Amino acid sequence: MMGYGMMGYGMAVAMFLWWAILLGGIFLGCYGITLLIRNKNNTTNSNEALEKLKVRYVMGEISQEEYTEKKQLLQVK
């Protein structure tokens, strides 16, 4: 006898690893989907802000220097 039923400790370790890999995969999948959704939202917000900046520049509310400075800041994010 091996001490832990007929299968020994190896079967318990294999079962633990199986569940750890399965749950880890589910967690990583959910995390990846969350990151994709956040990136999509950030890109949309950045594009909207850039469009508003362009309108302000065209309307003459801000100077060319302000426009280029703020545009660079928006494109970095």
Protein backbone atom coordinates (compact mmCIF):
# COMPACT_ATOMS: atom_id res chain seq x y z
CA MET A 1 0.00 0.00 0.00
CA MET A 2 1.14 3.52 -0.77
CA GLY A 3 -0.58 5.29 2.07
CA TYR A 4 -3.32 7.23 0.24
CA GLY A 5 -5.74 4.64 -1.04
CA MET A 6 -4.95 2.69 -4.16
CA MET A 7 -3.78 5.64 -6.26
CA GLY A 8 -1.19 7.15 -3.93
CA TYR A 9 -0.32 10.82 -3.57
CA GLY A 10 0.34 11.25 -7.29
CA MET A 11 -3.35 11.18 -8.15
CA ALA A 12 -4.13 13.87 -5.55
CA VAL A 13 -1.34 16.09 -6.91
CA ALA A 14 -2.52 15.57 -10.50
CA MET A 15 -6.09 16.48 -9.53
CA PHE A 16 -4.90 19.61 -7.72
CA LEU A 17 -2.82 20.67 -10.74
CA TRP A 18 -5.75 20.04 -13.08
CA TRP A 19 -8.05 22.33 -11.07
CA ALA A 20 -5.33 24.97 -10.65
CA ILE A 21 -4.73 25.08 -14.42
CA LEU A 22 -8.47 25.15 -15.19
CA LEU A 23 -9.24 27.95 -12.73
CA GLY A 24 -6.11 29.86 -13.75
CA GLY A 25 -7.19 29.68 -17.41
CA ILE A 26 -10.65 30.98 -16.58
CA PHE A 27 -9.16 33.82 -14.54
CA LEU A 28 -6.70 34.79 -17.28
CA GLY A 29 -9.46 34.68 -19.89
CA CYS A 30 -11.66 37.03 -17.87
CA TYR A 31 -8.70 39.33 -17.20
CA GLY A 32 -7.84 39.46 -20.91
CA ILE A 33 -11.40 40.31 -21.89
CA THR A 34 -11.47 43.06 -19.27
CA LEU A 35 -8.26 44.57 -20.68
CA LEU A 36 -9.65 44.51 -24.22
CA ILE A 37 -12.82 46.29 -23.14
CA ARG A 38 -10.84 48.94 -21.24
CA ASN A 39 -8.57 49.60 -24.22
CA LYS A 40 -11.56 49.98 -26.52
CA ASN A 41 -13.17 52.49 -24.17
CA ASN A 42 -9.96 54.49 -23.71
CA THR A 43 -9.41 54.72 -27.46
CA THR A 44 -12.96 55.99 -27.96
CA ASN A 45 -12.58 58.62 -25.24
CA SER A 46 -9.25 59.75 -26.65
CA ASN A 47 -10.73 60.08 -30.15
CA GLU A 48 -13.65 62.12 -28.82
CA ALA A 49 -11.30 64.42 -26.94
CA LEU A 50 -9.15 64.88 -30.05
CA GLU A 51 -12.22 65.77 -32.10
CA LYS A 52 -13.29 68.35 -29.52
CA LEU A 53 -9.77 69.78 -29.54
CA LYS A 54 -9.87 70.10 -33.34
CA VAL A 55 -13.20 71.93 -33.16
CA ARG A 56 -11.85 74.36 -30.57
CA TYR A 57 -8.82 75.05 -32.77
CA VAL A 58 -10.92 75.59 -35.90
CA MET A 59 -13.27 77.91 -34.01
CA GLY A 60 -10.28 79.96 -32.85
CA GLU A 61 -10.76 79.28 -29.15
CA ILE A 62 -7.17 78.03 -28.75
CA SER A 63 -3.88 78.90 -30.44
CA GLN A 64 -1.82 76.61 -32.62
CA GLU A 65 0.71 76.11 -29.82
CA GLU A 66 -2.02 75.05 -27.40
CA TYR A 67 -3.48 72.76 -30.04
CA THR A 68 -0.21 70.94 -30.76
CA GLU A 69 0.66 70.65 -27.07
CA LYS A 70 -2.72 69.18 -26.12
CA LYS A 71 -2.78 66.94 -29.18
CA GLN A 72 0.56 65.41 -28.18
CA LEU A 73 -0.73 64.82 -24.66
CA LEU A 74 -3.84 63.09 -25.97
CA GLN A 75 -1.92 60.87 -28.36
CA VAL A 76 0.44 59.69 -25.61
CA LYS A 77 -2.48 58.34 -23.58
